[in-house]
Protein backbone atom coordinates (compact mmCIF):
# COMPACT_ATOMS: atom_id res chain seq x y z
CA UNK A 1 17.77 69.74 51.80
CA UNK A 2 21.10 70.74 52.75
CA UNK A 3 21.28 72.23 56.25
CA UNK A 4 22.43 75.93 56.50
CA UNK A 5 25.96 75.93 56.49
CA UNK A 6 26.11 77.58 60.45
CA UNK A 7 24.24 74.34 61.21
CA UNK A 8 26.27 71.57 59.36
CA UNK A 9 29.31 73.65 60.87
CA UNK A 10 27.90 73.57 64.16
CA UNK A 11 28.38 69.61 63.31
CA UNK A 12 31.87 69.73 63.66
CA UNK A 13 31.65 70.74 67.01
CA UNK A 14 31.25 66.78 67.80
CA UNK A 15 35.04 67.27 67.35
CA UNK A 16 35.05 67.35 71.48
CA UNK A 17 33.64 63.66 71.70
CA UNK A 18 37.50 63.09 70.55
CA UNK A 19 38.65 63.95 73.72
CA UNK A 20 35.20 62.78 75.98
CA UNK A 21 34.95 59.28 74.21
CA UNK A 22 38.42 58.57 75.30
CA UNK A 23 38.62 59.90 78.73
CA UNK A 24 35.19 57.99 79.93
CA UNK A 25 37.15 55.09 78.45
CA UNK A 26 40.25 55.62 80.45
CA UNK A 27 38.45 56.74 83.59
CA UNK A 28 37.46 52.74 84.02
CA UNK A 29 41.03 51.37 83.54
CA UNK A 30 43.67 50.97 86.44
CA UNK A 31 44.95 54.09 88.10
CA UNK A 32 46.80 56.52 85.44
CA UNK A 33 51.20 56.19 85.59
CA UNK A 34 53.43 59.13 84.86
CA UNK A 35 54.08 57.75 82.14
CA UNK A 36 50.74 56.97 80.08
CA UNK A 37 47.96 59.03 82.01
CA UNK A 38 48.52 62.40 80.39
CA UNK A 39 48.50 60.86 76.66
CA UNK A 40 45.86 58.74 76.84
CA UNK A 41 43.50 60.84 75.60
CA UNK A 42 45.73 62.11 72.68
CA UNK A 43 46.74 58.69 71.79
CA UNK A 44 43.29 57.61 71.98
CA UNK A 45 42.15 59.70 69.22
CA UNK A 46 43.82 57.93 66.68
CA UNK A 47 41.83 54.88 67.20
CA UNK A 48 39.09 56.57 65.63
CA UNK A 49 40.51 56.96 62.02
CA UNK A 50 37.67 58.54 59.94
CA UNK A 51 37.54 61.10 62.48
CA UNK A 52 33.48 62.25 63.32
CA UNK A 53 32.21 59.13 61.81
CA UNK A 54 34.07 56.41 64.23
CA UNK A 55 32.98 58.97 67.24
CA UNK A 56 29.51 59.05 66.28
CA UNK A 57 29.04 55.42 65.71
CA UNK A 58 31.20 54.85 69.40
CA UNK A 59 28.66 57.45 70.94
CA UNK A 60 25.33 55.57 69.52
CA UNK A 61 27.30 51.88 70.70
CA UNK A 62 27.73 53.57 74.29
CA UNK A 63 24.65 55.58 74.90
CA UNK A 64 23.03 54.02 78.13
CA UNK A 65 19.28 53.44 77.82
CA UNK A 66 18.18 56.69 79.79
CA UNK A 67 19.89 58.93 77.65
CA UNK A 68 18.13 58.05 74.91
CA UNK A 69 15.12 58.22 76.29
CA UNK A 70 15.80 61.33 77.67
CA UNK A 71 17.00 62.79 74.08
CA UNK A 72 13.07 62.09 73.52
CA UNK A 73 11.06 65.51 72.87
CA UNK A 74 7.95 65.97 74.88
CA UNK A 75 5.47 68.89 74.70
CA UNK A 76 2.88 70.46 72.54
CA UNK A 77 4.74 70.91 68.45
CA UNK A 78 4.93 73.76 66.89
CA UNK A 79 6.88 73.16 64.06
CA UNK A 80 6.42 76.72 61.78
CA UNK A 81 5.79 80.35 62.54
CA UNK A 82 2.46 80.23 60.64
CA UNK A 83 1.06 77.44 63.17
CA UNK A 84 2.09 79.86 66.64
CA UNK A 85 0.68 82.53 64.54
CA UNK A 86 -3.43 80.78 63.87
CA UNK A 87 -2.93 79.72 67.86
CA UNK A 88 -2.26 83.22 69.28
CA UNK A 89 -5.72 84.45 67.03
CA UNK A 90 -7.35 81.82 68.54
CA UNK A 91 -6.99 83.88 71.85
CA UNK A 92 -8.58 86.79 70.54
CA UNK A 93 -12.04 85.83 69.53
CA UNK A 94 -12.83 89.14 68.48
CA UNK A 95 -10.46 88.70 65.32
CA UNK A 96 -12.58 86.19 64.08
CA UNK A 97 -14.54 88.98 62.34
CA UNK A 98 -11.46 90.69 60.40
CA UNK A 99 -10.19 87.02 59.12
CA UNK A 100 -13.90 86.49 57.82
CA UNK A 101 -13.83 89.62 56.46
CA UNK A 102 -10.51 89.27 54.82
CA UNK A 103 -11.13 85.99 53.11
CA UNK A 104 -9.02 82.72 53.71
CA UNK A 105 -6.56 83.40 51.05
CA UNK A 106 -5.22 86.84 52.56
CA UNK A 107 -5.21 84.98 55.96
CA UNK A 108 -3.23 82.60 55.17
CA UNK A 109 -0.51 85.01 53.30
CA UNK A 110 -0.58 86.82 56.59
CA UNK A 111 -0.56 83.69 58.85
CA UNK A 112 3.02 82.74 56.47
CA UNK A 113 4.75 85.68 56.57
CA UNK A 114 3.68 86.89 53.56
CA UNK A 115 2.11 89.84 53.92
CA UNK A 116 3.54 92.33 50.94
CA UNK A 117 1.54 89.96 48.95
CA UNK A 118 -1.93 91.22 50.59
CA UNK A 119 -3.46 94.08 49.18
CA UNK A 120 -2.79 97.52 51.12
CA UNK A 121 -6.29 98.57 50.64
CA UNK A 122 -7.93 96.38 52.85
CA UNK A 123 -6.57 98.64 55.39
CA UNK A 124 -8.75 100.85 54.90
CA UNK A 125 -12.08 98.46 54.18
CA UNK A 126 -11.48 96.49 57.27
CA UNK A 127 -11.80 96.92 60.67
CA UNK A 128 -9.43 95.71 63.42
CA UNK A 129 -6.90 94.25 60.54
CA UNK A 130 -4.16 96.24 62.48
CA UNK A 131 -5.37 94.54 65.50
CA UNK A 132 -4.76 91.18 63.64
CA UNK A 133 -1.41 91.99 62.11
CA UNK A 134 -0.06 93.24 65.33
CA UNK A 135 -1.11 89.99 67.46
CA UNK A 136 0.78 87.90 64.09
CA UNK A 137 3.65 90.17 64.61
CA UNK A 138 4.36 89.56 68.22
CA UNK A 139 3.23 85.18 67.79
CA UNK A 140 5.97 85.04 65.00
CA UNK A 141 8.70 86.82 66.16
CA UNK A 142 8.25 84.90 70.13
CA UNK A 143 8.31 82.06 68.24
CA UNK A 144 11.65 82.92 65.86
CA UNK A 145 13.34 84.01 69.15
CA UNK A 146 12.14 80.70 71.06
CA UNK A 147 13.47 78.59 68.19
CA UNK A 148 16.85 80.19 67.99
CA UNK A 149 17.21 80.16 71.86
CA UNK A 150 17.01 76.44 71.52
CA UNK A 151 19.65 76.27 68.78
CA UNK A 152 21.92 78.00 71.31
CA UNK A 153 21.42 75.55 74.22
CA UNK A 154 22.82 72.79 72.05
CA UNK A 155 25.67 74.65 70.52
CA UNK A 156 26.90 75.85 74.27
CA UNK A 157 26.35 71.72 75.99
CA UNK A 158 28.71 70.71 73.30
CA UNK A 159 30.97 73.66 74.08
CA UNK A 160 30.55 72.56 77.77
CA UNK A 161 31.55 69.06 77.09
CA UNK A 162 34.98 70.23 75.12
CA UNK A 163 35.89 72.58 78.07
CA UNK A 164 35.15 69.37 80.78
CA UNK A 165 37.75 67.43 78.52
CA UNK A 166 40.07 69.55 78.60
CA UNK A 167 39.94 70.40 82.30
CA UNK A 168 39.84 66.76 83.14
CA UNK A 169 43.53 65.91 80.96
CA UNK A 170 44.38 69.74 82.96
CA UNK A 171 43.79 67.87 86.21
CA UNK A 172 45.78 64.76 85.34
CA UNK A 173 48.85 66.45 83.72
CA UNK A 174 48.59 68.14 87.47
CA UNK A 175 48.47 64.91 89.18
CA UNK A 176 51.37 63.66 87.31
CA UNK A 177 53.49 66.46 87.95
CA UNK A 178 54.05 67.71 84.14
CA UNK A 179 51.48 70.92 84.94
CA UNK A 180 51.35 73.08 87.66
CA UNK A 181 48.35 74.18 89.08
CA UNK A 182 48.70 77.76 87.77
CA UNK A 183 48.88 76.56 84.47
CA UNK A 184 45.55 74.30 84.83
CA UNK A 185 43.79 77.01 86.74
CA UNK A 186 42.63 79.07 82.95
CA UNK A 187 41.72 75.83 81.90
CA UNK A 188 39.17 75.12 84.70
CA UNK A 189 37.91 78.72 84.84
CA UNK A 190 37.60 78.00 80.54
CA UNK A 191 34.96 75.02 81.93
CA UNK A 192 33.19 77.46 84.28
CA UNK A 193 32.80 80.22 81.94
CA UNK A 194 31.42 77.23 79.79
CA UNK A 195 28.61 76.27 82.49
CA UNK A 196 28.16 79.36 82.96
CA UNK A 197 26.95 80.04 79.07
CA UNK A 198 25.09 77.23 79.17
CA UNK A 199 22.96 78.17 82.02
CA UNK A 200 22.14 81.49 80.54
CA UNK A 201 21.29 79.33 77.17
CA UNK A 202 19.07 77.26 78.70
CA UNK A 203 17.47 80.15 81.30
CA UNK A 204 17.03 82.38 77.77
CA UNK A 205 15.07 78.91 76.10
CA UNK A 206 13.15 78.12 78.67
CA UNK A 207 11.78 82.02 78.97
CA UNK A 208 11.53 81.74 74.82
CA UNK A 209 9.06 79.09 75.57
CA UNK A 210 7.36 80.55 78.62
CA UNK A 211 6.67 83.86 76.12
CA UNK A 212 5.17 81.86 73.79
CA UNK A 213 3.28 79.40 75.88
CA UNK A 214 1.81 83.10 77.11
CA UNK A 215 0.61 84.57 73.92
CA UNK A 216 -0.93 81.41 73.34
CA UNK A 217 -3.52 81.77 76.81
CA UNK A 218 -2.04 78.64 77.81
CA UNK A 219 -0.12 79.96 81.16
CA UNK A 220 -0.35 76.93 83.40
CA UNK A 221 -1.76 74.46 80.85
CA UNK A 222 1.10 73.80 78.40
CA UNK A 223 4.87 73.40 79.96
CA UNK A 224 6.38 72.47 77.30
CA UNK A 225 7.04 73.56 73.51
CA UNK A 226 8.43 70.89 70.62
CA UNK A 227 10.14 73.51 67.66
CA UNK A 228 11.78 72.73 65.07
CA UNK A 229 15.57 72.30 65.29
CA UNK A 230 16.33 75.07 63.12
CA UNK A 231 15.20 78.36 62.02
CA UNK A 232 14.30 79.02 58.16
CA UNK A 233 17.46 79.47 56.03
CA UNK A 234 17.89 83.20 55.27
CA UNK A 235 17.82 84.03 51.65
CA UNK A 236 20.14 84.70 49.06
CA UNK A 237 18.98 87.72 47.87
CA UNK A 238 17.22 90.25 50.21
CA UNK A 239 14.05 92.22 48.59
CA UNK A 240 15.07 95.03 46.48
CA UNK A 241 15.25 98.96 47.36
CA UNK A 242 13.02 99.67 44.53
CA UNK A 243 10.03 96.67 45.80
CA UNK A 244 10.27 98.04 49.11
CA UNK A 245 9.84 102.01 48.13
CA UNK A 246 6.76 100.54 45.24
CA UNK A 247 5.37 98.50 48.73
CA UNK A 248 5.64 101.60 51.05
CA UNK A 249 3.84 104.14 48.44
CA UNK A 250 0.84 101.50 48.05
CA UNK A 251 0.36 101.23 51.64
CA UNK A 252 0.70 105.11 52.19
CA UNK A 253 -1.59 105.87 49.87
CA UNK A 254 -3.99 104.42 51.95
CA UNK A 255 -3.51 105.55 55.00
CA UNK A 256 -4.18 109.13 56.66
CA UNK A 257 -2.19 112.51 56.40
CA UNK A 258 -0.40 111.70 60.28
CA UNK A 259 -0.45 107.69 59.93
CA UNK A 260 1.02 108.50 56.47
CA UNK A 261 4.32 110.47 57.51
CA UNK A 262 5.03 108.21 60.34
CA UNK A 263 5.13 105.46 58.21
CA UNK A 264 7.39 106.56 55.66
CA UNK A 265 9.94 107.09 58.57
CA UNK A 266 9.05 103.63 60.13
CA UNK A 267 9.51 102.33 56.51
CA UNK A 268 13.20 103.64 55.82
CA UNK A 269 14.14 103.18 59.22
CA UNK A 270 12.50 99.29 59.01
CA UNK A 271 14.44 98.77 55.00
CA UNK A 272 17.88 99.86 56.51
CA UNK A 273 17.32 97.45 59.92
CA UNK A 274 16.37 94.51 56.88
CA UNK A 275 19.15 95.26 54.89
CA UNK A 276 21.66 95.44 57.53
CA UNK A 277 20.95 92.21 59.10
CA UNK A 278 20.62 90.56 55.78
CA UNK A 279 24.31 91.54 55.28
CA UNK A 280 25.24 90.23 58.24
CA UNK A 281 23.34 87.28 58.23
CA UNK A 282 25.21 86.18 54.83
CA UNK A 283 28.43 87.32 56.18
CA UNK A 284 28.07 85.42 59.49
CA UNK A 285 26.83 82.03 57.60
CA UNK A 286 28.97 82.13 54.32
CA UNK A 287 32.39 84.09 55.69
CA UNK A 288 32.85 83.79 59.26
CA UNK A 289 31.61 80.48 59.67
CA UNK A 290 33.05 78.88 56.50
CA UNK A 291 36.30 80.05 57.24
CA UNK A 292 35.99 78.46 61.25
CA UNK A 293 34.88 75.55 59.52
CA UNK A 294 37.91 75.44 57.56
CA UNK A 295 40.00 76.14 60.27
CA UNK A 296 38.98 73.64 62.26
CA UNK A 297 39.36 70.80 60.49
CA UNK A 298 42.22 71.65 59.30
CA UNK A 299 43.19 71.81 62.83
CA UNK A 300 41.79 68.57 63.17
CA UNK A 301 44.56 67.47 60.41
CA UNK A 302 47.36 68.94 62.00
CA UNK A 303 46.18 67.08 65.93
CA UNK A 304 46.18 64.06 64.04
CA UNK A 305 49.68 64.67 61.95
CA UNK A 306 51.12 65.42 65.64
CA UNK A 307 51.67 69.24 64.38
CA UNK A 308 48.94 70.32 66.50
CA UNK A 309 48.10 70.12 70.75
CA UNK A 310 45.01 69.10 72.13
CA UNK A 311 45.11 72.40 73.62
CA UNK A 312 45.26 73.72 70.09
CA UNK A 313 42.23 71.79 68.99
CA UNK A 314 39.91 72.93 72.49
CA UNK A 315 40.60 76.68 71.62
CA UNK A 316 39.31 76.26 67.84
CA UNK A 317 36.38 74.03 69.01
CA UNK A 318 35.31 77.04 71.46
CA UNK A 319 36.40 79.57 68.41
CA UNK A 320 33.77 77.55 66.01
CA UNK A 321 31.08 77.46 69.15
CA UNK A 322 30.81 81.37 69.35
CA UNK A 323 31.02 81.75 65.85
CA UNK A 324 28.07 79.39 65.43
CA UNK A 325 26.16 81.24 67.91
CA UNK A 326 26.64 84.04 66.57
CA UNK A 327 25.46 83.06 63.22
CA UNK A 328 22.35 81.44 65.00
CA UNK A 329 21.58 84.98 66.25
CA UNK A 330 22.47 86.82 63.07
CA UNK A 331 20.14 84.68 61.54
CA UNK A 332 17.46 85.25 64.09
CA UNK A 333 18.01 89.26 63.65
CA UNK A 334 17.17 89.06 59.67
CA UNK A 335 13.83 87.27 61.03
CA UNK A 336 12.97 89.63 62.85
CA UNK A 337 13.96 92.47 60.73
CA UNK A 338 11.90 90.81 57.82
CA UNK A 339 9.17 90.76 60.11
CA UNK A 340 8.99 94.36 61.33
CA UNK A 341 9.55 95.33 57.61
CA UNK A 342 6.46 93.59 56.57
CA UNK A 343 4.73 94.77 58.91
CA UNK A 344 5.43 98.28 58.55
CA UNK A 345 4.95 97.45 54.58
CA UNK A 346 1.53 96.92 56.03
CA UNK A 347 0.92 100.43 57.83
CA UNK A 348 2.06 98.82 61.20
CA UNK A 349 4.24 100.78 63.84
CA UNK A 350 6.75 99.08 65.45
CA UNK A 351 7.83 100.14 69.01
CA UNK A 352 11.04 99.16 68.40
CA UNK A 353 13.12 97.56 65.50
CA UNK A 354 15.58 94.56 65.56
CA UNK A 355 18.94 95.75 67.51
CA UNK A 356 21.97 93.95 65.59
CA UNK A 357 25.51 92.54 66.77
CA UNK A 358 24.84 91.28 70.01
CA UNK A 359 24.91 87.60 69.30
CA UNK A 360 22.29 84.93 70.00
CA UNK A 361 21.99 85.33 73.90
CA UNK A 362 18.91 86.88 74.72
CA UNK A 363 15.56 88.37 72.56
CA UNK A 364 16.38 91.92 70.80
CA UNK A 365 13.24 93.02 70.72
CA UNK A 366 10.51 94.96 72.71
CA UNK A 367 7.05 93.53 73.20
CA UNK A 368 4.28 95.49 71.39
C-alpha cells in the first residue's frame, strides 16, 4: 500500500544523514587542516551518488548493535482505534448490558467508527447506549492523539540530527577561521530550538500514552503502548452536506424536544468543523507538503551541482520538517473532527469541538 504523501515526504528528511554520516566519519580522522576541515562534510556527500539509498545502506552497515536493539518496540501493542475502544469498554462493566442489547454487528460498527450505519432508533430503545458511545469517543480520540504525537517525535528527532550536523560544521568553520562566532550563533540557536522541540514532542507523546493507559484502567500496571507508525489516511472525498443533513434529521426524530434542539446546533457546528478539517488536511498533504517535497528534491540536486550551499539544504530540511509536523496535526484533527461528527449524529453532545490550525504539538480537544 502506498504511504500517505506526508509520510513519504518525511522520508526525505533522511537528507540530514547526508550531513550526519560524513561528519561522523570525519570525526575519526586526523585533526583538521584549514584547507580541508570545513569542506569535508560537503565533499563527502559526493560519494553517495544515489542519494538516500546509499545513505540508508551506509547507516544499516554501521548501525551499532545496541542501537538496533533499542529500536525494537516494547509494550502493549494496540494497532487500531477499534482495539482501544474495546479495551476501554472492558473497564466499564455496566456497559455489557447495552452491548448485548445492541447485538454484535452494531457493537462492531461502533467500535470501528462506523456509527452512522447504526440504527438511530436504538437511542430510544436501548438504555445506556449514550454512555457506551461516550466511552468509545474518548478512547478513539485518545488513541488518535497518541499515534499522531508519536509521529511528531520521529520528525523532530530527524530535525535535531540536521541541526546538530549544521552546528558541528559551523564549529569547525569557526575553528579554522572561516566563520566568526557571530556567524555560528544562529546555527547554535537552531540546534537548541530543535532540541527543545524534540523534548516537547516526547513529553506530548508520553502524556498521550499515559492518557490512553488511564482510560483502560491500567495506570501503574502498563507503562508503554506500541502504536502503529501512522494514522489512517484522510479520505479523498468527505461526506456530503446532503448525507449529513439526512442523518441529522433521522437521529433528531428519536430525541426529546430539548435534546433535539441541542443536537441541531451541535450538528451544524460538527459538520462545519468536519468540512474545514477535511479541507485543511488535504491541502496540507496534497499542496503544501507536495511542494515542499519538490523543493527539497530540487535543493538536493542543486546542492550536488554546487549551486546551493549546505546551509540552503539544512534550511529546506527544517522547512520540510515543519510542513510534515503540520500535516500530521491536520490529519489528526480530521479524525478527531470525524469522531465528534459521528457522535453528534448519534445524539452526542461534545463539550468542545476540535480547534484547527495549531500544528501537531499537543492535543486539541477537551476531555468528556
